[in-house]
Amino acid sequence: MKSPAVAADLDRTDFQILKHLQSDGRMSVVELSKRVSLSPTPCTQRIKRLEQMGVITGYHARLSPGALGQGLGVFVTVKLRGTDEPTLEKFNAAVKPVKQILECHMVGGGFDYLLKIRVRDMGEYREILGGVIGALPMVEGTHSYFVMEDVKESPLLPLAQPKAPAK
């Protein structure tokens, strides 16, 4: 994870590039350069710099889970028996290869992890819960929350413009 200091290295043009690419990652460099008032070569150089800095981490197509037969969304809270480093590392390693687990967040509070899972149906979910998550010896308990409706789901980060330099 990059430190907040990276944001201090970005100017208004960088933030405009990020805003446009975040909304449309397929935008051509020519179109992007017009929107941010740069010629294509400096625009391309800025994009490469943002990638090298780790600000841009990839380009992806957003897919419709329902259209692809992955219509059941489930959030699962996981409580571990212990939170020592070896236990956390074993849990992390166990869930990373499970393709149906889209997100895994270690959290503070009443449980240790929050998982976002997408599956085709309840049968597949039961296989993941019982065969993978619940079968891990470090798992003390889980609670499942089934998504009834996706009200808002966005990969777009709110981008704050950098402050103008002091005069």
C-alpha atoms as a PDB file:
ATOM      1  CA  MET A   1       0.000   0.000   0.000  1.00  0.00           C
ATOM      2  CA  LYS A   2       1.363   3.415  -0.945  1.00  0.00           C
ATOM      3  CA  SER A   3       1.733   6.042   1.720  1.00  0.00           C
ATOM      4  CA  PRO A   4      -0.369   9.222   1.743  1.00  0.00           C
ATOM      5  CA  ALA A   5       2.797  11.039   0.712  1.00  0.00           C
ATOM      6  CA  VAL A   6       2.212   9.780  -2.852  1.00  0.00           C
ATOM      7  CA  ALA A   7      -0.888  11.983  -3.135  1.00  0.00           C
ATOM      8  CA  ALA A   8       1.272  14.991  -2.271  1.00  0.00           C
ATOM      9  CA  ASP A   9       3.359  14.250  -5.383  1.00  0.00           C
ATOM     10  CA  LEU A  10       0.341  14.551  -7.683  1.00  0.00           C
ATOM     11  CA  ASP A  11      -0.815  17.765  -9.321  1.00  0.00           C
ATOM     12  CA  ARG A  12      -4.211  18.803 -10.706  1.00  0.00           C
ATOM     13  CA  THR A  13      -3.459  17.309 -14.130  1.00  0.00           C
ATOM     14  CA  ASP A  14      -2.566  13.958 -12.541  1.00  0.00           C
ATOM     15  CA  PHE A  15      -5.877  13.977 -10.677  1.00  0.00           C
ATOM     16  CA  GLN A  16      -7.752  14.826 -13.894  1.00  0.00           C
ATOM     17  CA  ILE A  17      -6.040  11.909 -15.662  1.00  0.00           C
ATOM     18  CA  LEU A  18      -7.001   9.598 -12.784  1.00  0.00           C
ATOM     19  CA  LYS A  19     -10.596  10.849 -12.796  1.00  0.00           C
ATOM     20  CA  HIS A  20     -11.018  10.183 -16.515  1.00  0.00           C
ATOM     21  CA  LEU A  21      -9.232   6.813 -16.559  1.00  0.00           C
ATOM     22  CA  GLN A  22     -11.144   5.655 -13.498  1.00  0.00           C
ATOM     23  CA  SER A  23     -14.431   6.360 -15.295  1.00  0.00           C
ATOM     24  CA  ASP A  24     -13.308   4.964 -18.655  1.00  0.00           C
ATOM     25  CA  GLY A  25     -10.133   2.886 -18.657  1.00  0.00           C
ATOM     26  CA  ARG A  26     -10.511   2.264 -22.404  1.00  0.00           C
ATOM     27  CA  MET A  27     -10.281   5.949 -23.264  1.00  0.00           C
ATOM     28  CA  SER A  28      -7.600   6.556 -25.899  1.00  0.00           C
ATOM     29  CA  VAL A  29      -4.579   8.618 -24.971  1.00  0.00           C
ATOM     30  CA  VAL A  30      -5.554  11.089 -27.689  1.00  0.00           C
ATOM     31  CA  GLU A  31      -9.020  11.616 -26.148  1.00  0.00           C
ATOM     32  CA  LEU A  32      -7.593  11.739 -22.623  1.00  0.00           C
ATOM     33  CA  SER A  33      -4.932  14.250 -23.611  1.00  0.00           C
ATOM     34  CA  LYS A  34      -7.628  16.529 -25.075  1.00  0.00           C
ATOM     35  CA  ARG A  35      -9.670  16.334 -21.863  1.00  0.00           C
ATOM     36  CA  VAL A  36      -6.703  17.253 -19.651  1.00  0.00           C
ATOM     37  CA  SER A  37      -5.209  19.816 -22.057  1.00  0.00           C
ATOM     38  CA  LEU A  38      -1.966  18.000 -22.784  1.00  0.00           C
ATOM     39  CA  SER A  39      -0.465  16.615 -25.953  1.00  0.00           C
ATOM     40  CA  PRO A  40      -0.447  12.794 -26.205  1.00  0.00           C
ATOM     41  CA  THR A  41       3.254  12.258 -25.401  1.00  0.00           C
ATOM     42  CA  PRO A  42       3.298  14.087 -22.031  1.00  0.00           C
ATOM     43  CA  CYS A  43      -0.066  12.493 -21.203  1.00  0.00           C
ATOM     44  CA  THR A  44       1.381   9.016 -21.877  1.00  0.00           C
ATOM     45  CA  GLN A  45       4.428   9.863 -19.754  1.00  0.00           C
ATOM     46  CA  ARG A  46       2.200  10.909 -16.855  1.00  0.00           C
ATOM     47  CA  ILE A  47       0.173   7.699 -17.116  1.00  0.00           C
ATOM     48  CA  LYS A  48       3.367   5.621 -17.030  1.00  0.00           C
ATOM     49  CA  ARG A  49       4.606   7.625 -14.025  1.00  0.00           C
ATOM     50  CA  LEU A  50       1.305   7.033 -12.193  1.00  0.00           C
ATOM     51  CA  GLU A  51       1.598   3.305 -12.937  1.00  0.00           C
ATOM     52  CA  GLN A  52       5.219   3.198 -11.707  1.00  0.00           C
ATOM     53  CA  MET A  53       4.240   5.054  -8.523  1.00  0.00           C
ATOM     54  CA  GLY A  54       1.587   2.412  -7.845  1.00  0.00           C
ATOM     55  CA  VAL A  55      -1.285   4.904  -8.102  1.00  0.00           C
ATOM     56  CA  ILE A  56      -2.713   3.100 -11.156  1.00  0.00           C
ATOM     57  CA  THR A  57      -2.673  -0.600 -10.312  1.00  0.00           C
ATOM     58  CA  GLY A  58      -4.459  -2.073 -13.325  1.00  0.00           C
ATOM     59  CA  TYR A  59      -7.191  -1.813 -15.946  1.00  0.00           C
ATOM     60  CA  HIS A  60     -10.318  -3.966 -15.805  1.00  0.00           C
ATOM     61  CA  ALA A  61     -13.681  -4.505 -17.447  1.00  0.00           C
ATOM     62  CA  ARG A  62     -16.681  -4.439 -15.074  1.00  0.00           C
ATOM     63  CA  LEU A  63     -18.780  -7.525 -15.579  1.00  0.00           C
ATOM     64  CA  SER A  64     -22.398  -8.177 -14.640  1.00  0.00           C
ATOM     65  CA  PRO A  65     -22.485 -10.995 -12.045  1.00  0.00           C
ATOM     66  CA  GLY A  66     -26.124 -11.780 -12.838  1.00  0.00           C
ATOM     67  CA  ALA A  67     -25.520 -11.987 -16.585  1.00  0.00           C
ATOM     68  CA  LEU A  68     -22.726 -14.483 -15.940  1.00  0.00           C
ATOM     69  CA  GLY A  69     -24.630 -16.715 -13.552  1.00  0.00           C
ATOM     70  CA  GLN A  70     -23.030 -15.363 -10.374  1.00  0.00           C
ATOM     71  CA  GLY A  71     -26.152 -13.668  -9.057  1.00  0.00           C
ATOM     72  CA  LEU A  72     -25.930 -14.592  -5.372  1.00  0.00           C
ATOM     73  CA  GLY A  73     -23.888 -12.114  -3.340  1.00  0.00           C
ATOM     74  CA  VAL A  74     -23.005 -12.871   0.269  1.00  0.00           C
ATOM     75  CA  PHE A  75     -21.079 -10.956   2.907  1.00  0.00           C
ATOM     76  CA  VAL A  76     -19.561 -13.195   5.566  1.00  0.00           C
ATOM     77  CA  THR A  77     -18.083 -12.138   8.874  1.00  0.00           C
ATOM     78  CA  VAL A  78     -15.418 -14.462  10.240  1.00  0.00           C
ATOM     79  CA  LYS A  79     -14.268 -14.728  13.843  1.00  0.00           C
ATOM     80  CA  LEU A  80     -10.964 -16.522  14.417  1.00  0.00           C
ATOM     81  CA  ARG A  81      -9.925 -18.509  17.499  1.00  0.00           C
ATOM     82  CA  GLY A  82      -6.823 -16.331  17.795  1.00  0.00           C
ATOM     83  CA  THR A  83      -5.271 -13.363  16.036  1.00  0.00           C
ATOM     84  CA  ASP A  84      -1.581 -14.140  16.362  1.00  0.00           C
ATOM     85  CA  GLU A  85       0.462 -13.554  13.208  1.00  0.00           C
ATOM     86  CA  PRO A  86       0.802 -17.232  12.151  1.00  0.00           C
ATOM     87  CA  THR A  87      -2.990 -17.716  12.417  1.00  0.00           C
ATOM     88  CA  LEU A  88      -3.693 -14.580  10.374  1.00  0.00           C
ATOM     89  CA  GLU A  89      -1.177 -15.635   7.724  1.00  0.00           C
ATOM     90  CA  LYS A  90      -2.701 -19.130   7.467  1.00  0.00           C
ATOM     91  CA  PHE A  91      -6.218 -17.708   7.101  1.00  0.00           C
ATOM     92  CA  ASN A  92      -5.063 -15.193   4.475  1.00  0.00           C
ATOM     93  CA  ALA A  93      -3.303 -17.937   2.495  1.00  0.00           C
ATOM     94  CA  ALA A  94      -6.376 -20.192   2.672  1.00  0.00           C
ATOM     95  CA  VAL A  95      -8.855 -17.646   1.291  1.00  0.00           C
ATOM     96  CA  LYS A  96      -6.691 -15.996  -1.408  1.00  0.00           C
ATOM     97  CA  PRO A  97      -6.998 -18.814  -3.974  1.00  0.00           C
ATOM     98  CA  VAL A  98     -10.797 -19.135  -3.615  1.00  0.00           C
ATOM     99  CA  LYS A  99     -12.076 -17.387  -6.755  1.00  0.00           C
ATOM    100  CA  GLN A 100     -15.595 -16.907  -5.351  1.00  0.00           C
ATOM    101  CA  ILE A 101     -14.181 -14.767  -2.520  1.00  0.00           C
ATOM    102  CA  LEU A 102     -13.947 -11.427  -4.310  1.00  0.00           C
ATOM    103  CA  GLU A 103     -12.787  -9.410  -1.300  1.00  0.00           C
ATOM    104  CA  CYS A 104     -11.299 -10.251   2.074  1.00  0.00           C
ATOM    105  CA  HIS A 105     -10.761  -7.507   4.632  1.00  0.00           C
ATOM    106  CA  MET A 106      -9.185  -7.840   8.062  1.00  0.00           C
ATOM    107  CA  VAL A 107     -11.238  -5.540  10.293  1.00  0.00           C
ATOM    108  CA  GLY A 108     -11.347  -4.322  13.858  1.00  0.00           C
ATOM    109  CA  GLY A 109     -14.466  -4.786  15.956  1.00  0.00           C
ATOM    110  CA  GLY A 110     -16.666  -7.741  16.848  1.00  0.00           C
ATOM    111  CA  PHE A 111     -15.195 -10.076  14.199  1.00  0.00           C
ATOM    112  CA  ASP A 112     -11.853 -10.447  12.427  1.00  0.00           C
ATOM    113  CA  TYR A 113     -12.608 -10.614   8.690  1.00  0.00           C
ATOM    114  CA  LEU A 114     -15.286  -9.458   6.279  1.00  0.00           C
ATOM    115  CA  LEU A 115     -15.577 -11.450   3.048  1.00  0.00           C
ATOM    116  CA  LYS A 116     -17.467 -10.560  -0.121  1.00  0.00           C
ATOM    117  CA  ILE A 117     -18.498 -13.672  -2.010  1.00  0.00           C
ATOM    118  CA  ARG A 118     -20.210 -14.145  -5.410  1.00  0.00           C
ATOM    119  CA  VAL A 119     -21.626 -17.535  -6.367  1.00  0.00           C
ATOM    120  CA  ARG A 120     -24.240 -18.952  -8.718  1.00  0.00           C
ATOM    121  CA  ASP A 121     -26.550 -20.361  -6.037  1.00  0.00           C
ATOM    122  CA  MET A 122     -27.018 -21.467  -2.434  1.00  0.00           C
ATOM    123  CA  GLY A 123     -25.467 -24.876  -3.152  1.00  0.00           C
ATOM    124  CA  GLU A 124     -22.214 -23.320  -4.303  1.00  0.00           C
ATOM    125  CA  TYR A 125     -22.265 -20.995  -1.300  1.00  0.00           C
ATOM    126  CA  ARG A 126     -22.690 -23.951   1.077  1.00  0.00           C
ATOM    127  CA  GLU A 127     -19.647 -25.609  -0.551  1.00  0.00           C
ATOM    128  CA  ILE A 128     -17.542 -22.488   0.085  1.00  0.00           C
ATOM    129  CA  LEU A 129     -18.831 -21.971   3.623  1.00  0.00           C
ATOM    130  CA  GLY A 130     -18.639 -25.588   4.757  1.00  0.00           C
ATOM    131  CA  GLY A 131     -15.840 -26.889   2.579  1.00  0.00           C
ATOM    132  CA  VAL A 132     -13.447 -23.976   2.752  1.00  0.00           C
ATOM    133  CA  ILE A 133     -14.164 -21.285   5.351  1.00  0.00           C
ATOM    134  CA  GLY A 134     -15.820 -23.382   8.056  1.00  0.00           C
ATOM    135  CA  ALA A 135     -13.317 -26.216   7.546  1.00  0.00           C
ATOM    136  CA  LEU A 136     -10.366 -24.030   8.548  1.00  0.00           C
ATOM    137  CA  PRO A 137      -9.247 -24.991  12.067  1.00  0.00           C
ATOM    138  CA  MET A 138      -8.622 -21.376  13.087  1.00  0.00           C
ATOM    139  CA  VAL A 139     -12.224 -20.291  12.345  1.00  0.00           C
ATOM    140  CA  GLU A 140     -14.338 -19.944  15.480  1.00  0.00           C
ATOM    141  CA  GLY A 141     -17.516 -18.839  13.745  1.00  0.00           C
ATOM    142  CA  THR A 142     -19.132 -17.097  10.786  1.00  0.00           C
ATOM    143  CA  HIS A 143     -22.250 -15.076  10.041  1.00  0.00           C
ATOM    144  CA  SER A 144     -23.666 -14.754   6.531  1.00  0.00           C
ATOM    145  CA  TYR A 145     -25.550 -11.782   5.098  1.00  0.00           C
ATOM    146  CA  PHE A 146     -27.241 -12.366   1.752  1.00  0.00           C
ATOM    147  CA  VAL A 147     -27.506  -9.490  -0.713  1.00  0.00           C
ATOM    148  CA  MET A 148     -31.117  -8.870  -1.663  1.00  0.00           C
ATOM    149  CA  GLU A 149     -30.406  -5.885  -3.921  1.00  0.00           C
ATOM    150  CA  ASP A 150     -27.253  -4.078  -5.038  1.00  0.00           C
ATOM    151  CA  VAL A 151     -28.242  -0.498  -4.263  1.00  0.00           C
ATOM    152  CA  LYS A 152     -24.818   1.032  -4.912  1.00  0.00           C
ATOM    153  CA  GLU A 153     -21.616  -0.635  -5.977  1.00  0.00           C
ATOM    154  CA  SER A 154     -18.777   1.426  -7.373  1.00  0.00           C
ATOM    155  CA  PRO A 155     -15.067   0.905  -7.903  1.00  0.00           C
ATOM    156  CA  LEU A 156     -14.562   4.672  -8.280  1.00  0.00           C
ATOM    157  CA  LEU A 157     -12.546   6.395  -5.571  1.00  0.00           C
ATOM    158  CA  PRO A 158     -13.542   9.920  -4.556  1.00  0.00           C
ATOM    159  CA  LEU A 159     -10.603  11.981  -5.754  1.00  0.00           C
ATOM    160  CA  ALA A 160      -9.814  15.131  -3.822  1.00  0.00           C
ATOM    161  CA  GLN A 161      -8.058  17.793  -5.801  1.00  0.00           C
ATOM    162  CA  PRO A 162      -4.682  18.846  -4.397  1.00  0.00           C
ATOM    163  CA  LYS A 163      -4.613  22.118  -2.500  1.00  0.00           C
ATOM    164  CA  ALA A 164      -3.211  25.102  -4.305  1.00  0.00           C
ATOM    165  CA  PRO A 165       0.354  25.938  -3.238  1.00  0.00           C
ATOM    166  CA  ALA A 166       0.650  28.638  -0.566  1.00  0.00           C
ATOM    167  CA  LYS A 167       1.696  32.038  -1.864  1.00  0.00           C
END
